[in-house]
């Protein structure tokens, strides 16, 4: 697998500018053990995002946990996403939009390289650890974070419920256009 959670945690511990993330988190929740899916921020929050299939880079199809990456993206407060069906593609494309300062970058997961996917795991995991620690330390922050999480869960549920409807609508439109062309050809 491309991403090793425990190796990442050890890397954070060794970086002077990052080690406080791990130290604070462990002081609140105990030692970080096992895998990502055993972490409290995953079991209480990210697990609720039921993943949908999407396009991935062909050469990396079996190298990373697609569902986990999708859950991290969708649950993140620091980026936005869109899942949409593109013509001539088997799966939907997962678009990730990240805004920093006045620059906005939008990429699909299918166009990312392995080092970019690795970096996304790192960014999103740090974010979840920081948010969970903040929740535990401050009641006002807890309420704000819980509200934002609830909003993201509702948005994802709406996306899941309407995604096929959009696809069916597109198919109906193209069939209707084809029938119109046939009719016009007969005139």
Protein backbone atom coordinates (compact mmCIF):
# COMPACT_ATOMS: atom_id res chain seq x y z
CA UNK A 1 0.00 0.00 0.00
CA UNK A 2 1.05 3.52 -0.81
CA UNK A 3 0.28 5.03 2.60
CA UNK A 4 1.56 3.70 5.93
CA UNK A 5 -0.31 5.36 8.80
CA UNK A 6 2.10 4.36 11.58
CA UNK A 7 5.13 5.47 9.53
CA UNK A 8 3.38 8.82 8.97
CA UNK A 9 2.76 9.24 12.73
CA UNK A 10 6.45 8.50 13.40
CA UNK A 11 7.41 11.04 10.75
CA UNK A 12 5.24 13.66 12.49
CA UNK A 13 6.90 12.86 15.84
CA UNK A 14 10.34 13.54 14.31
CA UNK A 15 9.48 16.91 12.72
CA UNK A 16 9.95 19.79 15.18
CA UNK A 17 7.14 21.82 13.57
CA UNK A 18 4.69 18.87 13.54
CA UNK A 19 5.40 16.83 16.67
CA UNK A 20 3.02 18.94 18.79
CA UNK A 21 0.12 17.58 16.70
CA UNK A 22 0.86 14.03 17.86
CA UNK A 23 1.75 15.07 21.41
CA UNK A 24 -1.46 17.05 21.90
CA UNK A 25 -3.58 14.32 20.32
CA UNK A 26 -2.03 11.58 22.48
CA UNK A 27 -2.33 13.66 25.65
CA UNK A 28 -6.09 13.85 25.01
CA UNK A 29 -6.84 10.39 23.58
CA UNK A 30 -3.93 8.13 24.50
CA UNK A 31 -1.28 6.52 22.29
CA UNK A 32 -1.94 6.38 18.56
CA UNK A 33 -2.06 2.70 17.70
CA UNK A 34 -3.14 0.42 14.89
CA UNK A 35 -4.58 1.76 11.65
CA UNK A 36 -6.44 4.87 10.49
CA UNK A 37 -9.79 3.10 10.69
CA UNK A 38 -9.18 2.43 14.40
CA UNK A 39 -8.79 6.14 15.23
CA UNK A 40 -11.58 7.89 17.13
CA UNK A 41 -11.99 10.62 14.49
CA UNK A 42 -12.56 7.90 11.89
CA UNK A 43 -14.94 5.74 13.93
CA UNK A 44 -17.00 8.73 15.11
CA UNK A 45 -17.09 10.72 11.88
CA UNK A 46 -15.50 9.56 8.62
CA UNK A 47 -17.01 6.07 8.76
CA UNK A 48 -20.43 7.71 8.21
CA UNK A 49 -19.47 8.71 4.65
CA UNK A 50 -20.41 5.69 2.57
CA UNK A 51 -18.04 5.77 -0.39
CA UNK A 52 -19.06 5.67 -4.04
CA UNK A 53 -16.85 4.35 -6.86
CA UNK A 54 -14.77 6.88 -8.80
CA UNK A 55 -11.95 7.00 -11.37
CA UNK A 56 -8.41 6.50 -10.10
CA UNK A 57 -5.09 6.57 -11.91
CA UNK A 58 -4.78 3.24 -13.74
CA UNK A 59 -1.25 2.56 -12.49
CA UNK A 60 -2.31 3.16 -8.85
CA UNK A 61 -5.63 1.26 -8.82
CA UNK A 62 -4.44 -1.26 -6.21
CA UNK A 63 -1.95 0.96 -4.36
CA UNK A 64 -4.22 2.94 -2.05
CA UNK A 65 -7.53 2.72 -0.20
CA UNK A 66 -9.88 4.56 -2.58
CA UNK A 67 -12.78 4.57 -0.11
CA UNK A 68 -10.64 6.01 2.67
CA UNK A 69 -9.31 8.77 0.43
CA UNK A 70 -12.86 9.64 -0.59
CA UNK A 71 -13.98 9.73 3.06
CA UNK A 72 -11.05 11.99 3.96
CA UNK A 73 -11.84 14.36 1.08
CA UNK A 74 -15.56 14.51 1.76
CA UNK A 75 -15.12 14.92 5.52
CA UNK A 76 -12.51 17.66 5.18
CA UNK A 77 -13.22 21.27 6.10
CA UNK A 78 -10.21 22.48 4.09
CA UNK A 79 -11.30 21.47 0.59
CA UNK A 80 -14.39 20.99 -1.46
CA UNK A 81 -15.36 18.17 -3.80
CA UNK A 82 -17.64 17.19 -6.62
CA UNK A 83 -18.42 13.73 -7.90
CA UNK A 84 -19.66 13.69 -11.46
CA UNK A 85 -19.97 11.43 -14.45
CA UNK A 86 -17.89 12.42 -17.44
CA UNK A 87 -18.56 11.24 -20.98
CA UNK A 88 -16.51 8.23 -22.09
CA UNK A 89 -15.57 7.32 -18.49
CA UNK A 90 -16.71 4.16 -16.71
CA UNK A 91 -16.69 5.64 -13.22
CA UNK A 92 -17.50 9.08 -11.90
CA UNK A 93 -14.69 11.60 -11.44
CA UNK A 94 -13.91 12.83 -7.93
CA UNK A 95 -12.93 16.49 -8.19
CA UNK A 96 -11.04 18.04 -5.28
CA UNK A 97 -10.91 21.82 -4.95
CA UNK A 98 -8.38 23.36 -2.59
CA UNK A 99 -8.20 27.07 -1.97
CA UNK A 100 -5.21 28.73 -0.38
CA UNK A 101 -4.96 32.48 -0.18
CA UNK A 102 -6.40 33.69 -3.46
CA UNK A 103 -5.38 30.67 -5.51
CA UNK A 104 -7.77 27.80 -6.15
CA UNK A 105 -6.66 24.44 -7.52
CA UNK A 106 -9.08 21.84 -8.85
CA UNK A 107 -7.90 18.33 -9.76
CA UNK A 108 -9.52 14.97 -10.31
CA UNK A 109 -8.15 12.02 -8.36
CA UNK A 110 -7.63 10.18 -11.66
CA UNK A 111 -5.03 12.73 -12.78
CA UNK A 112 -2.99 12.65 -9.56
CA UNK A 113 0.40 11.01 -9.15
CA UNK A 114 1.31 8.77 -6.23
CA UNK A 115 3.21 11.52 -4.32
CA UNK A 116 0.15 13.80 -4.62
CA UNK A 117 -2.18 11.12 -3.27
CA UNK A 118 0.24 10.47 -0.41
CA UNK A 119 0.30 14.19 0.37
CA UNK A 120 -3.51 14.30 0.44
CA UNK A 121 -3.57 11.50 3.01
CA UNK A 122 -1.09 13.43 5.15
CA UNK A 123 -2.95 16.76 4.93
CA UNK A 124 -6.37 15.27 5.64
CA UNK A 125 -5.18 13.07 8.52
CA UNK A 126 -3.42 16.01 10.18
CA UNK A 127 -6.61 18.02 9.77
CA UNK A 128 -8.76 15.32 11.38
CA UNK A 129 -6.35 14.89 14.28
CA UNK A 130 -6.23 18.66 14.88
CA UNK A 131 -10.01 19.04 14.70
CA UNK A 132 -10.58 16.16 17.08
CA UNK A 133 -8.12 17.62 19.59
CA UNK A 134 -9.74 21.05 19.26
CA UNK A 135 -13.15 19.47 19.90
CA UNK A 136 -11.88 17.93 23.12
CA UNK A 137 -10.25 21.14 24.37
CA UNK A 138 -12.91 23.79 23.77
CA UNK A 139 -16.68 23.53 24.10
CA UNK A 140 -17.36 26.35 21.60
CA UNK A 141 -15.03 24.77 19.05
CA UNK A 142 -16.69 21.42 19.69
CA UNK A 143 -20.10 22.86 18.82
CA UNK A 144 -18.78 24.59 15.70
CA UNK A 145 -16.95 21.46 14.51
CA UNK A 146 -19.96 19.24 15.22
CA UNK A 147 -22.22 21.60 13.23
CA UNK A 148 -19.82 21.66 10.28
CA UNK A 149 -19.53 17.87 10.37
CA UNK A 150 -23.30 17.50 10.43
CA UNK A 151 -23.59 19.85 7.46
CA UNK A 152 -21.00 17.83 5.51
CA UNK A 153 -22.80 14.57 6.30
CA UNK A 154 -26.11 16.02 5.07
CA UNK A 155 -24.48 17.33 1.89
CA UNK A 156 -22.94 13.91 1.18
CA UNK A 157 -26.28 12.21 1.71
CA UNK A 158 -27.86 14.65 -0.77
CA UNK A 159 -25.07 13.94 -3.28
CA UNK A 160 -25.55 10.19 -2.91
CA UNK A 161 -29.30 10.45 -3.36
CA UNK A 162 -29.15 12.69 -6.44
CA UNK A 163 -26.07 11.43 -8.26
CA UNK A 164 -27.87 8.74 -10.23
CA UNK A 165 -30.74 11.10 -10.93
CA UNK A 166 -28.32 13.48 -12.68
CA UNK A 167 -26.93 10.60 -14.71
CA UNK A 168 -30.42 9.46 -15.75
CA UNK A 169 -31.35 13.03 -16.65
CA UNK A 170 -28.25 13.35 -18.88
CA UNK A 171 -29.08 10.02 -20.56
CA UNK A 172 -32.69 11.12 -21.16
CA UNK A 173 -31.50 14.43 -22.65
CA UNK A 174 -29.13 12.71 -25.07
CA UNK A 175 -31.83 10.21 -26.08
CA UNK A 176 -34.24 13.08 -26.64
CA UNK A 177 -31.63 14.92 -28.74
CA UNK A 178 -31.12 11.76 -30.81
CA UNK A 179 -34.87 11.44 -31.40
CA UNK A 180 -35.03 15.11 -32.42
CA UNK A 181 -32.23 14.55 -34.93
CA UNK A 182 -34.08 11.52 -36.32
CA UNK A 183 -37.25 13.57 -36.65
CA UNK A 184 -35.41 16.46 -38.29
CA UNK A 185 -33.78 14.01 -40.69
CA UNK A 186 -37.19 12.69 -41.73
CA UNK A 187 -38.52 16.17 -42.54
